[in-house]
Amino acid sequence: MPLPIPEARRPLHSRSISFEGFVRADGLWDMEGRLTDRKAHDYHDHLGNCRQAGEPIHDMWVRLTLTDQRVVTAACASLEVVPYSSCLDVQQGVQALVGARIGEGWKQTVRERLPLLLSCTHLSELLVTMATAVYQTQSMGKDPEHTNPWPALSELTVAPHFVDKCHSWRLDGEVAQTVFPLLHRPRPQMG
């Protein structure tokens, strides 16, 4: 169902974030993310230059190479369009993520390894939100066209990492009852 019809308005800014996940021939995984910001109107930058509506303010890419356990083995960034030339100084900083594991505490790991004054807010934001795309990429394995993971899930006796981190994946819910019958906990009766 779409959002309700809004009040009269005019566009000012748009940000798009996209991710693509790949399995590599060497058995590792690549996750690529892109963040693009655009203004819907002409404006003047900090040097007084006129920037055209629709022209990117930010256009940046990040690639993380990962193991099956989501450990970062390589990291690179490409800042194609940035508002300030000093922004380019942080591209190599993403290599500080090599050796880190995407999982519980990933946001904190990014903050610690890419401190704000030595990194870029937009790059850090892209990296933090990349985590859930990594899980989606790896969720059905390296050969998803020829596998069905659902029957094996019904036999699990230990909950996967994503359980109880989302309304639909809570252990007392209907999805858990269907997918994880051995783990399902009926909701306590009130009264």
Protein backbone atom coordinates (compact mmCIF):
# COMPACT_ATOMS: atom_id res chain seq x y z
CA MET A 1 0.00 0.00 0.00
CA PRO A 2 1.51 3.38 -0.95
CA LEU A 3 2.00 6.27 1.44
CA PRO A 4 -0.95 8.65 1.89
CA ILE A 5 -1.17 11.51 -0.60
CA PRO A 6 1.07 14.29 0.77
CA GLU A 7 0.36 17.98 1.17
CA ALA A 8 1.47 20.24 -1.70
CA ARG A 9 5.27 20.26 -1.73
CA ARG A 10 8.34 20.67 -3.91
CA PRO A 11 11.40 18.45 -4.03
CA LEU A 12 14.67 19.71 -2.53
CA HIS A 13 17.04 16.78 -2.06
CA SER A 14 17.32 13.13 -3.01
CA ARG A 15 19.62 10.43 -1.71
CA SER A 16 19.84 6.99 -3.19
CA ILE A 17 21.69 4.09 -1.61
CA SER A 18 22.00 0.79 -3.40
CA PHE A 19 23.84 -2.46 -2.80
CA GLU A 20 24.77 -5.41 -4.96
CA GLY A 21 26.15 -8.70 -3.68
CA PHE A 22 28.25 -11.17 -5.63
CA VAL A 23 29.82 -14.57 -5.12
CA ARG A 24 33.31 -14.66 -6.61
CA ALA A 25 34.99 -17.43 -8.57
CA ASP A 26 37.54 -17.81 -5.73
CA GLY A 27 34.75 -18.55 -3.21
CA LEU A 28 34.78 -15.15 -1.51
CA TRP A 29 31.95 -12.61 -1.59
CA ASP A 30 31.93 -9.02 -2.86
CA MET A 31 29.45 -6.47 -1.59
CA GLU A 32 29.31 -3.14 -3.39
CA GLY A 33 27.44 -0.10 -2.18
CA ARG A 34 26.78 3.27 -3.75
CA LEU A 35 25.49 6.51 -2.22
CA THR A 36 24.38 9.42 -4.40
CA ASP A 37 23.01 12.80 -3.25
CA ARG A 38 21.42 15.37 -5.58
CA LYS A 39 19.68 18.72 -5.13
CA ALA A 40 16.49 19.41 -7.07
CA HIS A 41 17.48 23.05 -7.59
CA ASP A 42 20.49 25.07 -8.68
CA TYR A 43 22.65 26.22 -5.77
CA HIS A 44 26.03 27.76 -5.00
CA ASP A 45 28.79 25.68 -3.47
CA HIS A 46 31.23 26.90 -0.80
CA LEU A 47 33.43 28.51 -3.48
CA GLY A 48 30.52 30.41 -5.03
CA ASN A 49 30.28 28.15 -8.09
CA CYS A 50 26.80 27.48 -9.42
CA ARG A 51 25.89 23.79 -9.28
CA GLN A 52 23.07 22.60 -11.49
CA ALA A 53 19.92 20.86 -10.28
CA GLY A 54 20.27 17.09 -10.52
CA GLU A 55 24.07 17.19 -10.58
CA PRO A 56 25.48 14.82 -7.93
CA ILE A 57 26.86 16.33 -4.74
CA HIS A 58 28.06 12.94 -3.53
CA ASP A 59 28.59 9.87 -5.66
CA MET A 60 30.61 7.29 -3.81
CA TRP A 61 31.21 3.57 -4.02
CA VAL A 62 32.49 1.02 -1.53
CA ARG A 63 33.44 -2.61 -2.08
CA LEU A 64 34.05 -5.11 0.71
CA THR A 65 35.36 -8.60 0.00
CA LEU A 66 34.23 -11.12 2.61
CA THR A 67 34.66 -14.72 3.74
CA ASP A 68 31.72 -17.03 4.41
CA GLN A 69 31.95 -15.89 8.04
CA ARG A 70 31.62 -12.23 6.89
CA VAL A 71 35.22 -11.30 7.74
CA VAL A 72 36.46 -8.43 5.56
CA THR A 73 39.50 -9.50 3.52
CA ALA A 74 39.69 -6.40 1.29
CA ALA A 75 38.08 -2.98 1.24
CA CYS A 76 38.17 -0.11 -1.22
CA ALA A 77 36.28 3.11 -1.86
CA SER A 78 35.88 5.38 -4.85
CA LEU A 79 34.64 8.88 -4.20
CA GLU A 80 33.64 9.92 -7.72
CA VAL A 81 31.92 13.19 -6.77
CA VAL A 82 32.43 15.02 -3.47
CA PRO A 83 31.70 18.58 -2.37
CA TYR A 84 35.23 19.29 -1.08
CA SER A 85 38.60 18.16 -2.42
CA SER A 86 39.64 17.17 1.12
CA CYS A 87 36.92 14.48 1.04
CA LEU A 88 39.20 12.47 -1.25
CA ASP A 89 41.69 12.09 1.62
CA VAL A 90 39.50 9.41 3.26
CA GLN A 91 39.22 6.92 0.40
CA GLN A 92 42.05 4.69 1.63
CA GLY A 93 40.73 4.74 5.20
CA VAL A 94 38.22 1.96 4.50
CA GLN A 95 41.14 -0.47 4.48
CA ALA A 96 41.03 -0.19 8.27
CA LEU A 97 38.03 -2.54 8.07
CA VAL A 98 40.16 -5.46 6.81
CA GLY A 99 39.99 -8.16 9.46
CA ALA A 100 36.69 -6.90 10.92
CA ARG A 101 33.63 -9.14 10.93
CA ILE A 102 30.19 -8.02 9.85
CA GLY A 103 27.80 -9.09 12.58
CA GLU A 104 26.72 -7.98 16.03
CA GLY A 105 28.45 -4.67 16.78
CA TRP A 106 29.26 -3.80 13.14
CA LYS A 107 28.09 -0.19 13.58
CA GLN A 108 30.47 0.23 16.53
CA THR A 109 33.30 -1.42 14.56
CA VAL A 110 32.85 1.08 11.73
CA ARG A 111 32.83 3.97 14.21
CA GLU A 112 36.00 2.75 15.93
CA ARG A 113 37.95 1.93 12.79
CA LEU A 114 36.77 4.95 10.81
CA PRO A 115 36.64 7.80 13.35
CA LEU A 116 34.51 10.71 12.16
CA LEU A 117 37.33 13.22 11.89
CA LEU A 118 39.40 10.80 9.80
CA SER A 119 36.56 9.55 7.63
CA CYS A 120 33.39 10.70 5.94
CA THR A 121 29.92 10.59 7.46
CA HIS A 122 28.42 9.43 4.17
CA LEU A 123 30.99 6.67 3.68
CA SER A 124 30.46 5.44 7.24
CA GLU A 125 26.69 5.52 6.79
CA LEU A 126 27.00 3.48 3.60
CA LEU A 127 29.21 0.90 5.34
CA VAL A 128 26.92 0.56 8.36
CA THR A 129 23.81 -0.04 6.25
CA MET A 130 25.71 -2.50 4.05
CA ALA A 131 25.57 -5.15 6.79
CA THR A 132 21.98 -6.23 6.18
CA ALA A 133 22.63 -6.45 2.44
CA VAL A 134 25.56 -8.79 3.18
CA TYR A 135 23.22 -11.08 5.14
CA GLN A 136 20.71 -11.05 2.29
CA THR A 137 23.46 -11.86 -0.22
CA GLN A 138 24.76 -14.83 1.76
CA SER A 139 21.38 -16.05 3.02
CA MET A 140 20.82 -18.74 0.39
CA GLY A 141 24.42 -19.76 -0.17
CA LYS A 142 26.66 -19.64 -3.19
CA ASP A 143 24.46 -21.74 -5.43
CA PRO A 144 20.93 -20.56 -4.56
CA GLU A 145 19.34 -21.70 -7.81
CA HIS A 146 19.91 -25.32 -6.87
CA THR A 147 19.17 -25.37 -3.15
CA ASN A 148 16.25 -25.06 -0.79
CA PRO A 149 17.41 -23.98 2.69
CA TRP A 150 13.96 -24.05 4.30
CA PRO A 151 13.72 -27.76 5.27
CA ALA A 152 17.03 -27.62 7.18
CA LEU A 153 15.86 -24.55 9.12
CA SER A 154 12.95 -26.52 10.57
CA GLU A 155 15.46 -28.82 12.30
CA LEU A 156 17.52 -26.08 13.99
CA THR A 157 17.82 -26.17 17.78
CA VAL A 158 19.85 -22.94 18.03
CA ALA A 159 18.35 -19.73 16.70
CA PRO A 160 20.12 -18.02 13.76
CA HIS A 161 21.54 -14.53 14.30
CA PHE A 162 18.51 -12.71 12.88
CA VAL A 163 15.91 -14.28 15.14
CA ASP A 164 14.36 -11.92 17.72
CA LYS A 165 15.83 -8.90 15.92
CA CYS A 166 12.69 -8.18 13.89
CA HIS A 167 8.94 -8.26 14.50
CA SER A 168 8.33 -11.01 11.93
CA TRP A 169 11.30 -13.13 13.08
CA ARG A 170 10.45 -13.13 16.78
CA LEU A 171 10.38 -16.60 18.34
CA ASP A 172 6.84 -16.21 19.61
CA GLY A 173 5.52 -15.26 16.17
CA GLU A 174 3.82 -17.12 13.37
CA VAL A 175 6.88 -17.11 11.05
CA ALA A 176 9.03 -18.82 13.71
CA GLN A 177 6.28 -21.34 14.34
CA THR A 178 6.36 -22.31 10.65
CA VAL A 179 10.09 -22.02 9.93
CA PHE A 180 11.59 -22.97 13.33
CA PRO A 181 9.05 -25.29 14.98
CA LEU A 182 11.66 -26.62 17.44
CA LEU A 183 12.57 -23.08 18.55
CA HIS A 184 9.13 -21.50 18.59
CA ARG A 185 8.01 -20.10 21.97
CA PRO A 186 4.31 -19.44 22.27
CA ARG A 187 3.51 -15.93 23.44
CA PRO A 188 2.66 -15.88 27.18
CA GLN A 189 -1.04 -15.48 27.87
CA MET A 190 -1.97 -12.17 29.45
CA GLY A 191 -4.42 -12.18 32.27
